[in-house]
Amino acid sequence: MTRTSSSWPLRRSIAILASVEAVLLCIALVAGAVALTNLNDARTRLLDQTGPQLLQAGALATALVNQETGVRGYLLTRQQDFLDPYRAGLVDQEKAVAELRRLGAAPDIPAGRDLAEVLAAADTWRGVALAQAAPGAPVPSAAQIEQDKTLFDALRVRLAAQTTHLESARADGRADLSSAATLLTWVLVAVAVMIAAGLVLLYVGLQRAVVRPIRALATAVRDTASRDLHRPVAGTGPQEVRQLGEDVDGLRRRILAEVAELETAHALLSTRTQALERSNSDLEQFAYVASHDLQEPLRKVTSFCQLLQKRYADKLDERGDQYIGFAVDGAKRMQVLINDLLAFSRVGRRGGEPEVVESADLVARATANLEDALADTGARVTVAEGMPSVRGEMSLLTAVFQNLIGNAIKFRGEHPPEIAVSAERDGGDWVFSVTDNGIGIDARYADRIFVIFQRLHGRAEYPGTGIGLAMCRKIVEHHGGRIWLDTETTAGTRFRFTLLAHDVSEVPAEEQDAA
């Protein structure tokens, strides 16, 4: 008669079941170890390699921009002090490159190739820039300046590609970390299932020795996961159960450590953001105080120069009168500059409450302020029908239209200025356009013209302080919009800027459907 498993001794059955369970448990532990290793490797790559590489790439970009700033300042002034940012940028570049190579940017991998391309582009630009800045070198021509700008733009493209690749690597690292964590979770679930199956089969013999300790461990894990991750997890009973508890507790500690690192990084980012906001506020306050405190000395200089000219007019020769005239004119121009700087610093600091205003009324106020200039030049301002209403500060938005229309009058051509103001809807924004038939602006200067104190013409050709467009940009950005030069316009100049619509319900139905 053949013996069946039911006739086996309990010890043998338990031994066979325990052997099978032991084999399955070993497989699960190996899978868990592999999952833990993958999780640790993914975390190490993300936190110790990819993240620092991205930070050093940013430091390298900053160093190269500082070099370009120093060389450009030196070319404009020929003063050695302007080369200090360039020299500091070289030192920072060497540090960033050395750190990137230490972090694994070998020449035979994408990160190393990106670094090599950035350095090659930097060497190419630096060779041209240093040749222009060599002692005794002539003042760079417009073509040389354009060449230098083109080379540095190519360098910016290489830096952007490097950053993109590193961000992609970071995203891949995060995906690997998530996959490793998921795998580990499934491994733990598999372990629990196998142990539960073994407990069902060995219920009678192992109830006291195995089932209760495992249940206690499972309860502790659930309580820790659902209530408080800081509560330790400890297993009781057989050594295997205690080891499992230690592994789970080790995983809990790792998770807590990583969460603490993330919270620290977030706190550091928040601190730096607040420091940047304070720095910007301090700079604006400094500009306001400096502009305000300089008003009185300038008024005294102007007044006393005029008194000298009036009281001693019969004792001064023509050259003396000319010198006093120069002093008075310079003081007046400085006062205009300070007033403009003061107005610039006040944007967004002492404004009134935003209100719904009609853009047509804003244009009307601006043209009324420019009435004399319009009459003297024969300029004509045309406002499109159906101009919208927007939400903002009336005085600031009036200043935007006044600056743009004033520029159109100032930089006019041979014919009387023709200025057109219009608006069109773009989703939740209104896009305003101010177009003229003046001398136009080269597309190369589309960004430069919005930088404070940047002028494309000499003061003798066109008066002004170079603050108007910078103020326009600051006001528009203060209202949540943006402003730019339309480089597709071939005749005259067209400035465009956006302002948020005061009522989202005004969005056309077809645009809402598309959204």
Protein backbone atom coordinates (compact mmCIF):
# COMPACT_ATOMS: atom_id res chain seq x y z
CA MET A 1 0.00 0.00 0.00
CA THR A 2 1.44 3.38 -1.00
CA ARG A 3 1.94 5.88 1.77
CA THR A 4 0.31 9.28 1.33
CA SER A 5 1.16 12.61 2.79
CA SER A 6 -1.68 12.26 5.26
CA SER A 7 0.05 9.33 6.87
CA TRP A 8 3.32 11.12 7.26
CA PRO A 9 4.43 11.95 10.73
CA LEU A 10 3.55 15.44 11.78
CA ARG A 11 7.22 16.22 12.24
CA ARG A 12 7.93 15.20 8.63
CA SER A 13 4.97 17.17 7.29
CA ILE A 14 5.93 20.14 9.37
CA ALA A 15 9.56 19.75 8.25
CA ILE A 16 8.55 19.61 4.56
CA LEU A 17 6.23 22.58 4.93
CA ALA A 18 8.84 24.44 6.92
CA SER A 19 11.47 23.67 4.26
CA VAL A 20 9.22 24.95 1.51
CA GLU A 21 8.38 27.99 3.58
CA ALA A 22 12.08 28.51 4.34
CA VAL A 23 12.94 28.38 0.64
CA LEU A 24 10.18 30.84 -0.19
CA LEU A 25 11.25 33.08 2.68
CA CYS A 26 14.86 33.05 1.48
CA ILE A 27 13.72 34.04 -1.99
CA ALA A 28 11.67 36.85 -0.50
CA LEU A 29 14.57 38.04 1.63
CA VAL A 30 16.87 38.04 -1.39
CA ALA A 31 14.30 40.01 -3.36
CA GLY A 32 13.94 42.38 -0.42
CA ALA A 33 17.70 42.83 -0.21
CA VAL A 34 17.85 43.49 -3.94
CA ALA A 35 14.98 45.96 -3.63
CA LEU A 36 16.69 47.70 -0.72
CA THR A 37 19.94 47.84 -2.69
CA ASN A 38 18.15 49.29 -5.70
CA LEU A 39 16.44 51.82 -3.47
CA ASN A 40 19.72 52.82 -1.86
CA ASP A 41 21.51 53.01 -5.23
CA ALA A 42 18.74 55.14 -6.73
CA ARG A 43 18.77 57.44 -3.72
CA THR A 44 22.58 57.72 -3.84
CA ARG A 45 22.58 58.59 -7.54
CA LEU A 46 19.87 61.19 -7.06
CA LEU A 47 21.17 62.89 -3.91
CA ASP A 48 24.95 62.41 -4.20
CA GLN A 49 25.51 62.71 -7.94
CA THR A 50 22.72 64.08 -10.12
CA GLY A 51 21.57 66.80 -7.70
CA PRO A 52 25.09 68.17 -6.99
CA GLN A 53 25.89 68.03 -10.73
CA LEU A 54 22.86 70.23 -11.44
CA LEU A 55 23.96 72.72 -8.77
CA GLN A 56 27.51 72.86 -10.16
CA ALA A 57 26.16 73.33 -13.69
CA GLY A 58 24.29 76.38 -12.40
CA ALA A 59 27.49 77.64 -10.74
CA LEU A 60 29.36 77.17 -14.03
CA ALA A 61 26.71 79.16 -15.91
CA THR A 62 26.91 81.97 -13.34
CA ALA A 63 30.71 82.04 -13.60
CA LEU A 64 30.58 82.34 -17.40
CA VAL A 65 27.97 85.12 -17.21
CA ASN A 66 30.22 86.99 -14.74
CA GLN A 67 33.13 86.65 -17.19
CA GLU A 68 31.03 88.05 -20.02
CA THR A 69 29.84 90.93 -17.82
CA GLY A 70 33.41 91.83 -16.84
CA VAL A 71 34.74 91.74 -20.40
CA ARG A 72 31.81 93.79 -21.70
CA GLY A 73 32.32 96.41 -18.98
CA TYR A 74 36.03 96.61 -19.75
CA LEU A 75 35.40 97.01 -23.48
CA LEU A 76 33.03 99.89 -22.76
CA THR A 77 35.24 101.69 -20.23
CA ARG A 78 38.79 100.28 -20.63
CA GLN A 79 39.07 100.32 -16.83
CA GLN A 80 40.85 97.39 -15.20
CA ASP A 81 38.38 97.30 -12.29
CA PHE A 82 35.72 95.98 -14.64
CA LEU A 83 37.84 92.85 -15.20
CA ASP A 84 37.44 91.77 -11.55
CA PRO A 85 34.17 89.87 -12.29
CA TYR A 86 35.96 88.20 -15.21
CA ARG A 87 38.85 87.01 -13.04
CA ALA A 88 36.50 85.84 -10.30
CA GLY A 89 34.41 84.05 -12.92
CA LEU A 90 37.51 82.15 -14.13
CA VAL A 91 38.21 80.94 -10.59
CA ASP A 92 34.57 79.91 -10.08
CA GLN A 93 34.58 78.17 -13.45
CA GLU A 94 37.60 76.06 -12.52
CA LYS A 95 35.98 75.09 -9.21
CA ALA A 96 32.69 74.15 -10.88
CA VAL A 97 34.43 72.14 -13.63
CA ALA A 98 36.60 70.29 -11.09
CA GLU A 99 33.54 69.46 -8.98
CA LEU A 100 31.57 68.25 -12.04
CA ARG A 101 34.41 65.94 -13.01
CA ARG A 102 34.69 64.68 -9.45
CA LEU A 103 30.97 63.89 -9.52
CA GLY A 104 31.43 61.63 -12.54
CA ALA A 105 31.36 63.86 -15.64
CA ALA A 106 33.77 61.57 -17.49
CA PRO A 107 34.51 62.34 -21.17
CA ASP A 108 32.88 59.08 -22.36
CA ILE A 109 29.45 59.74 -20.85
CA PRO A 110 26.78 62.33 -21.80
CA ALA A 111 27.51 64.57 -18.79
CA GLY A 112 31.20 64.67 -19.74
CA ARG A 113 30.44 65.39 -23.37
CA ASP A 114 28.08 68.22 -22.38
CA LEU A 115 30.80 69.68 -20.16
CA ALA A 116 33.36 69.41 -22.97
CA GLU A 117 31.01 71.22 -25.37
CA VAL A 118 30.39 74.00 -22.83
CA LEU A 119 34.12 74.46 -22.21
CA ALA A 120 34.86 74.44 -25.94
CA ALA A 121 32.21 77.09 -26.59
CA ALA A 122 33.54 79.11 -23.63
CA ASP A 123 37.12 78.92 -24.97
CA THR A 124 35.94 80.05 -28.41
CA TRP A 125 34.07 83.05 -26.98
CA ARG A 126 36.89 83.89 -24.57
CA GLY A 127 39.48 83.88 -27.35
CA VAL A 128 37.52 86.44 -29.35
CA ALA A 129 36.63 88.56 -26.29
CA LEU A 130 40.21 88.64 -24.95
CA ALA A 131 41.52 89.61 -28.37
CA GLN A 132 39.18 92.62 -28.34
CA ALA A 133 40.24 93.45 -24.78
CA ALA A 134 43.99 93.14 -25.41
CA PRO A 135 46.13 96.21 -24.53
CA GLY A 136 46.29 98.57 -27.47
CA ALA A 137 43.38 96.87 -29.24
CA PRO A 138 41.01 99.30 -31.00
CA VAL A 139 37.47 99.89 -29.82
CA PRO A 140 35.38 96.92 -31.05
CA SER A 141 33.24 97.59 -34.07
CA ALA A 142 29.54 96.80 -34.26
CA ALA A 143 30.34 93.64 -36.22
CA GLN A 144 32.83 92.52 -33.57
CA ILE A 145 30.32 93.19 -30.81
CA GLU A 146 27.72 91.18 -32.72
CA GLN A 147 30.22 88.35 -33.19
CA ASP A 148 30.98 88.36 -29.48
CA LYS A 149 27.25 88.29 -28.67
CA THR A 150 26.66 85.45 -31.15
CA LEU A 151 29.44 83.36 -29.63
CA PHE A 152 28.15 83.91 -26.11
CA ASP A 153 24.61 83.08 -27.24
CA ALA A 154 26.02 79.79 -28.60
CA LEU A 155 27.61 79.23 -25.19
CA ARG A 156 24.23 79.86 -23.54
CA VAL A 157 22.72 77.20 -25.82
CA ARG A 158 25.37 74.69 -24.66
CA LEU A 159 24.70 75.59 -21.03
CA ALA A 160 20.96 75.18 -21.53
CA ALA A 161 21.53 71.77 -23.16
CA GLN A 162 23.72 70.70 -20.25
CA THR A 163 21.07 71.78 -17.74
CA THR A 164 18.32 70.02 -19.72
CA HIS A 165 20.26 66.76 -19.79
CA LEU A 166 21.01 66.95 -16.06
CA GLU A 167 17.35 67.71 -15.26
CA SER A 168 16.36 64.73 -17.41
CA ALA A 169 18.85 62.59 -15.49
CA ARG A 170 17.36 63.83 -12.23
CA ALA A 171 13.85 62.97 -13.45
CA ASP A 172 15.08 59.50 -14.41
CA GLY A 173 16.67 59.14 -10.98
CA ARG A 174 13.41 60.05 -9.29
CA ALA A 175 11.58 57.53 -11.46
CA ASP A 176 14.15 54.85 -10.51
CA LEU A 177 13.75 55.73 -6.84
CA SER A 178 9.97 55.47 -7.12
CA SER A 179 10.25 52.12 -8.94
CA ALA A 180 12.64 50.77 -6.31
CA ALA A 181 10.29 51.84 -3.51
CA THR A 182 7.35 50.20 -5.29
CA LEU A 183 9.33 47.01 -5.78
CA LEU A 184 10.26 46.99 -2.10
CA THR A 185 6.62 47.45 -1.16
CA TRP A 186 5.60 44.53 -3.33
CA VAL A 187 8.39 42.42 -1.85
CA LEU A 188 7.15 43.16 1.67
CA VAL A 189 3.62 42.33 0.61
CA ALA A 190 4.86 39.06 -0.90
CA VAL A 191 6.68 38.24 2.31
CA ALA A 192 3.54 38.91 4.32
CA VAL A 193 1.46 36.72 1.98
CA MET A 194 3.93 33.84 2.15
CA ILE A 195 4.14 34.06 5.90
CA ALA A 196 0.36 34.19 6.16
CA ALA A 197 0.06 31.10 3.95
CA GLY A 198 2.59 29.27 6.08
CA LEU A 199 0.75 30.23 9.21
CA VAL A 200 -2.48 28.80 7.82
CA LEU A 201 -0.75 25.49 7.07
CA LEU A 202 1.11 25.41 10.39
CA TYR A 203 -1.66 26.96 12.45
CA VAL A 204 -1.91 24.21 15.06
CA GLY A 205 1.78 23.67 15.62
CA LEU A 206 3.04 27.21 15.11
CA GLN A 207 0.16 29.26 16.50
CA ARG A 208 1.95 30.14 19.67
CA ALA A 209 5.48 30.32 18.24
CA VAL A 210 4.98 32.14 14.95
CA VAL A 211 1.46 33.46 14.31
CA ARG A 212 1.17 35.67 17.35
CA PRO A 213 4.60 37.31 16.92
CA ILE A 214 3.92 38.00 13.27
CA ARG A 215 0.48 39.44 14.05
CA ALA A 216 2.04 41.63 16.68
CA LEU A 217 4.66 42.78 14.16
CA ALA A 218 2.05 43.46 11.50
CA THR A 219 -0.01 45.48 13.97
CA ALA A 220 3.04 47.51 14.94
CA VAL A 221 3.86 48.18 11.28
CA ARG A 222 0.32 49.30 10.52
CA ASP A 223 0.17 51.51 13.57
CA THR A 224 3.50 53.08 12.71
CA ALA A 225 2.57 53.60 9.05
CA SER A 226 -0.87 55.03 9.75
CA ARG A 227 -0.28 57.01 12.94
CA ASP A 228 3.30 57.90 13.79
CA LEU A 229 6.40 57.06 11.74
CA HIS A 230 8.55 58.00 14.73
CA ARG A 231 7.25 54.98 16.69
CA PRO A 232 9.90 52.17 16.61
CA VAL A 233 8.97 48.80 15.09
CA ALA A 234 10.26 45.70 16.93
CA GLY A 235 9.53 42.04 16.32
CA THR A 236 9.19 39.30 18.98
CA GLY A 237 9.39 35.52 18.88
CA PRO A 238 11.68 33.63 16.50
CA GLN A 239 14.85 35.14 15.20
CA GLU A 240 13.46 35.48 11.69
CA VAL A 241 10.52 37.52 12.90
CA ARG A 242 12.75 39.76 14.98
CA GLN A 243 15.05 40.26 11.99
CA LEU A 244 12.08 41.19 9.84
CA GLY A 245 11.07 43.73 12.43
CA GLU A 246 14.56 45.18 12.41
CA ASP A 247 14.53 45.41 8.60
CA VAL A 248 11.19 47.17 8.63
CA ASP A 249 12.39 49.48 11.37
CA GLY A 250 15.55 50.19 9.37
CA LEU A 251 13.40 51.06 6.38
CA ARG A 252 11.32 53.32 8.64
CA ARG A 253 14.45 55.09 9.83
CA ARG A 254 15.67 55.56 6.26
CA ILE A 255 12.32 57.03 5.25
CA LEU A 256 12.42 59.39 8.23
CA ALA A 257 15.99 60.43 7.37
CA GLU A 258 15.04 61.16 3.77
CA VAL A 259 11.94 63.10 4.86
CA ALA A 260 14.11 65.11 7.25
CA GLU A 261 16.57 65.86 4.44
CA LEU A 262 13.72 67.02 2.19
CA GLU A 263 12.29 69.21 4.96
CA THR A 264 15.74 70.71 5.58
CA ALA A 265 16.19 71.43 1.88
CA HIS A 266 12.72 73.02 1.74
CA ALA A 267 13.48 75.16 4.79
CA LEU A 268 16.78 76.25 3.24
CA LEU A 269 15.02 77.15 -0.01
CA SER A 270 12.39 79.10 1.89
CA THR A 271 15.10 80.95 3.86
CA ARG A 272 16.97 81.87 0.70
CA THR A 273 13.75 83.03 -0.95
CA GLN A 274 12.99 85.29 2.01
CA ALA A 275 16.56 86.60 1.95
CA LEU A 276 16.21 87.40 -1.75
CA GLU A 277 12.94 89.21 -1.13
CA ARG A 278 14.56 91.21 1.67
CA SER A 279 17.50 92.02 -0.58
CA ASN A 280 15.21 93.28 -3.35
CA SER A 281 13.26 95.34 -0.83
CA ASP A 282 16.49 96.82 0.55
CA LEU A 283 17.67 97.73 -2.96
CA GLU A 284 14.40 99.49 -3.74
CA GLN A 285 14.55 101.32 -0.41
CA PHE A 286 18.13 102.36 -1.14
CA ALA A 287 17.17 103.73 -4.56
CA TYR A 288 14.30 105.66 -3.01
CA VAL A 289 16.38 107.13 -0.18
CA ALA A 290 19.33 107.99 -2.44
CA SER A 291 17.08 109.70 -4.98
CA HIS A 292 15.16 111.60 -2.32
CA ASP A 293 18.22 112.79 -0.37
CA LEU A 294 20.01 114.01 -3.50
CA GLN A 295 17.24 116.41 -4.44
CA GLU A 296 18.15 119.18 -1.98
CA PRO A 297 21.91 119.39 -2.83
CA LEU A 298 21.10 119.54 -6.54
CA ARG A 299 18.58 122.33 -6.00
CA LYS A 300 21.24 124.29 -4.10
CA VAL A 301 23.84 123.73 -6.84
CA THR A 302 21.37 124.94 -9.48
CA SER A 303 20.22 127.94 -7.44
CA PHE A 304 23.71 129.17 -6.53
CA CYS A 305 24.99 128.72 -10.10
CA GLN A 306 22.08 130.81 -11.34
CA LEU A 307 22.77 133.43 -8.63
CA LEU A 308 26.43 133.58 -9.71
CA GLN A 309 25.39 134.02 -13.31
CA LYS A 310 22.92 136.78 -12.43
CA ARG A 311 25.05 138.69 -9.90
CA TYR A 312 28.40 138.53 -11.69
CA ALA A 313 27.17 138.52 -15.29
CA ASP A 314 29.01 141.79 -16.03
CA LYS A 315 32.27 140.45 -14.51
CA LEU A 316 32.37 137.11 -16.33
CA ASP A 317 33.57 136.63 -19.88
CA GLU A 318 31.83 134.43 -22.43
CA ARG A 319 33.70 131.33 -21.29
CA GLY A 320 32.68 131.90 -17.66
CA ASP A 321 29.02 132.19 -18.66
CA GLN A 322 29.44 129.02 -20.68
CA TYR A 323 30.90 127.13 -17.73
CA ILE A 324 28.08 128.23 -15.45
CA GLY A 325 25.60 127.21 -18.13
CA PHE A 326 27.20 123.78 -18.27
CA ALA A 327 26.92 123.42 -14.49
CA VAL A 328 23.26 124.48 -14.45
CA ASP A 329 22.39 122.19 -17.34
CA GLY A 330 24.17 119.25 -15.72
CA ALA A 331 22.43 119.82 -12.42
CA LYS A 332 19.04 120.03 -14.14
CA ARG A 333 19.69 116.84 -16.05
CA MET A 334 20.78 115.14 -12.84
CA GLN A 335 17.58 116.31 -11.16
CA VAL A 336 15.49 114.87 -14.00
CA LEU A 337 17.42 111.60 -13.69
CA ILE A 338 16.86 111.49 -9.94
CA ASN A 339 13.15 112.20 -10.34
CA ASP A 340 12.90 109.36 -12.87
CA LEU A 341 14.86 107.03 -10.58
CA LEU A 342 12.63 108.03 -7.68
CA ALA A 343 9.53 107.25 -9.74
CA PHE A 344 11.08 103.95 -10.78
CA SER A 345 11.77 102.93 -7.17
CA ARG A 346 8.23 103.81 -6.11
CA VAL A 347 6.57 101.43 -8.57
CA GLY A 348 4.73 98.80 -6.56
CA ARG A 349 5.73 100.34 -3.21
CA ARG A 350 3.22 103.09 -2.61
CA GLY A 351 0.50 102.31 -5.10
CA GLY A 352 -3.17 102.60 -4.49
CA GLU A 353 -5.69 99.80 -4.51
CA PRO A 354 -6.23 98.17 -7.93
CA GLU A 355 -9.47 99.18 -9.58
CA VAL A 356 -11.28 98.51 -12.83
CA VAL A 357 -10.28 101.20 -15.33
CA GLU A 358 -11.07 101.79 -18.96
CA SER A 359 -7.97 101.49 -21.13
CA ALA A 360 -9.36 104.17 -23.44
CA ASP A 361 -9.40 106.57 -20.48
CA LEU A 362 -5.78 105.67 -19.74
CA VAL A 363 -4.76 106.58 -23.30
CA ALA A 364 -6.76 109.80 -23.08
CA ARG A 365 -4.97 110.81 -19.87
CA ALA A 366 -1.60 109.99 -21.41
CA THR A 367 -2.27 112.06 -24.55
CA ALA A 368 -3.53 114.96 -22.41
CA ASN A 369 -0.21 114.93 -20.54
CA LEU A 370 1.62 114.99 -23.89
CA GLU A 371 -0.60 117.66 -25.44
CA ASP A 372 2.22 120.15 -26.08
CA ALA A 373 4.52 117.54 -27.65
CA LEU A 374 1.70 116.28 -29.85
CA ALA A 375 0.91 119.79 -31.03
CA ASP A 376 4.56 120.73 -31.68
CA THR A 377 5.28 117.63 -33.79
CA GLY A 378 1.90 117.30 -35.50
CA ALA A 379 1.55 113.79 -34.10
CA ARG A 380 -1.73 111.94 -34.32
CA VAL A 381 -2.82 109.18 -31.92
CA THR A 382 -5.45 106.70 -33.12
CA VAL A 383 -7.22 104.50 -30.57
CA ALA A 384 -9.04 101.37 -31.76
CA GLU A 385 -12.69 100.89 -30.96
CA GLY A 386 -13.77 98.54 -28.23
CA MET A 387 -10.79 99.13 -25.95
CA PRO A 388 -11.25 96.88 -22.88
CA SER A 389 -11.40 97.56 -19.18
CA VAL A 390 -8.63 96.16 -17.00
CA ARG A 391 -7.85 95.99 -13.30
CA GLY A 392 -4.87 98.01 -12.06
CA GLU A 393 -3.58 101.29 -10.69
CA MET A 394 -4.66 104.13 -12.96
CA SER A 395 -1.60 106.36 -12.45
CA LEU A 396 0.86 103.55 -13.18
CA LEU A 397 -0.95 102.27 -16.26
CA THR A 398 -1.28 105.83 -17.54
CA ALA A 399 2.50 106.15 -17.19
CA VAL A 400 2.96 103.07 -19.41
CA PHE A 401 0.91 104.55 -22.25
CA GLN A 402 2.51 107.97 -21.73
CA ASN A 403 6.06 106.57 -21.97
CA LEU A 404 5.31 104.49 -25.07
CA ILE A 405 3.50 107.33 -26.87
CA GLY A 406 6.20 109.81 -25.75
CA ASN A 407 8.90 107.55 -27.20
CA ALA A 408 6.98 107.37 -30.46
CA ILE A 409 6.98 111.18 -30.60
CA LYS A 410 10.63 111.50 -29.60
CA PHE A 411 12.00 108.91 -32.03
CA ARG A 412 9.98 110.07 -35.01
CA GLY A 413 11.08 109.96 -38.63
CA GLU A 414 10.79 112.55 -41.38
CA HIS A 415 6.99 112.44 -41.38
CA PRO A 416 4.70 113.50 -38.53
CA PRO A 417 4.23 110.69 -36.02
CA GLU A 418 1.30 108.34 -36.59
CA ILE A 419 0.62 106.36 -33.41
CA ALA A 420 -1.95 103.55 -33.19
CA VAL A 421 -3.15 102.00 -29.92
CA SER A 422 -5.14 98.74 -30.02
CA ALA A 423 -5.94 95.65 -27.93
CA GLU A 424 -6.90 92.04 -28.58
CA ARG A 425 -7.97 89.16 -26.33
CA ASP A 426 -5.64 86.23 -25.67
CA GLY A 427 -7.19 83.78 -23.21
CA GLY A 428 -7.30 85.46 -19.80
CA ASP A 429 -5.14 88.40 -20.94
CA TRP A 430 -5.55 91.52 -23.00
CA VAL A 431 -2.65 92.16 -25.38
CA PHE A 432 -2.14 95.88 -26.02
CA SER A 433 -0.15 97.25 -28.98
CA VAL A 434 1.37 100.71 -29.46
CA THR A 435 2.59 101.13 -33.05
CA ASP A 436 4.32 104.12 -34.68
CA ASN A 437 5.96 105.10 -37.97
CA GLY A 438 9.22 106.29 -36.40
CA ILE A 439 12.85 105.31 -36.91
CA GLY A 440 12.35 101.78 -35.52
CA ILE A 441 14.55 99.63 -33.26
CA ASP A 442 16.98 96.93 -34.35
CA ALA A 443 15.80 93.48 -33.22
CA ARG A 444 19.22 92.90 -31.64
CA TYR A 445 18.31 95.36 -28.90
CA ALA A 446 14.89 93.87 -28.12
CA ASP A 447 15.99 92.95 -24.59
CA ARG A 448 18.55 95.67 -23.95
CA ILE A 449 16.08 98.54 -24.34
CA PHE A 450 14.18 97.41 -21.21
CA VAL A 451 17.29 97.59 -19.01
CA ILE A 452 17.48 100.70 -16.85
CA PHE A 453 19.85 103.47 -18.11
CA GLN A 454 20.40 101.68 -21.45
CA ARG A 455 20.39 104.09 -24.39
CA LEU A 456 20.75 103.32 -28.10
CA HIS A 457 21.40 106.96 -29.06
CA GLY A 458 23.54 109.75 -27.72
CA ARG A 459 22.04 112.40 -25.46
CA ALA A 460 22.82 115.03 -28.09
CA GLU A 461 20.60 113.21 -30.60
CA TYR A 462 17.66 112.38 -28.35
CA PRO A 463 17.18 113.64 -24.77
CA GLY A 464 16.17 111.36 -21.93
CA THR A 465 17.48 109.31 -19.03
CA GLY A 466 17.03 105.76 -20.30
CA ILE A 467 14.54 104.82 -17.58
CA GLY A 468 11.22 105.02 -19.44
CA LEU A 469 11.04 101.51 -20.92
CA ALA A 470 12.51 99.98 -17.77
CA MET A 471 9.72 101.65 -15.81
CA CYS A 472 7.14 100.35 -18.30
CA ARG A 473 8.40 96.81 -17.80
CA LYS A 474 8.37 97.16 -14.01
CA ILE A 475 4.80 98.52 -14.01
CA VAL A 476 3.50 95.84 -16.38
CA GLU A 477 5.18 93.04 -14.42
CA HIS A 478 3.80 94.56 -11.20
CA HIS A 479 0.35 94.05 -12.74
CA GLY A 480 1.09 90.42 -13.64
CA GLY A 481 1.82 91.01 -17.34
CA ARG A 482 4.82 91.24 -19.64
CA ILE A 483 6.06 93.70 -22.28
CA TRP A 484 8.17 93.16 -25.36
CA LEU A 485 9.27 94.64 -28.68
CA ASP A 486 7.51 93.12 -31.67
CA THR A 487 10.52 92.23 -33.84
CA GLU A 488 8.30 91.18 -36.77
CA THR A 489 7.34 94.78 -37.46
CA THR A 490 9.42 96.05 -40.39
CA ALA A 491 8.26 99.69 -40.52
CA GLY A 492 8.39 101.82 -37.41
CA THR A 493 8.15 100.34 -33.93
CA ARG A 494 5.53 98.25 -32.17
CA PHE A 495 5.53 97.59 -28.44
CA ARG A 496 3.18 94.97 -27.03
CA PHE A 497 2.26 94.22 -23.43
CA THR A 498 -0.30 92.11 -21.59
CA LEU A 499 -2.64 92.86 -18.70
CA LEU A 500 -4.95 90.45 -16.92
CA ALA A 501 -8.62 90.77 -17.81
CA HIS A 502 -10.60 91.99 -14.82
CA ASP A 503 -13.38 89.45 -15.47
CA VAL A 504 -12.58 85.91 -16.65
CA SER A 505 -16.18 85.53 -17.85
CA GLU A 506 -15.29 87.88 -20.70
CA VAL A 507 -13.24 85.12 -22.35
CA PRO A 508 -14.96 84.22 -25.65
CA ALA A 509 -16.97 80.99 -25.56
CA GLU A 510 -14.85 79.32 -28.24
CA GLU A 511 -11.69 79.96 -26.19
CA GLN A 512 -13.33 78.55 -23.07
CA ASP A 513 -14.32 75.43 -25.02
CA ALA A 514 -10.79 75.07 -26.34
CA ALA A 515 -9.42 75.37 -22.82
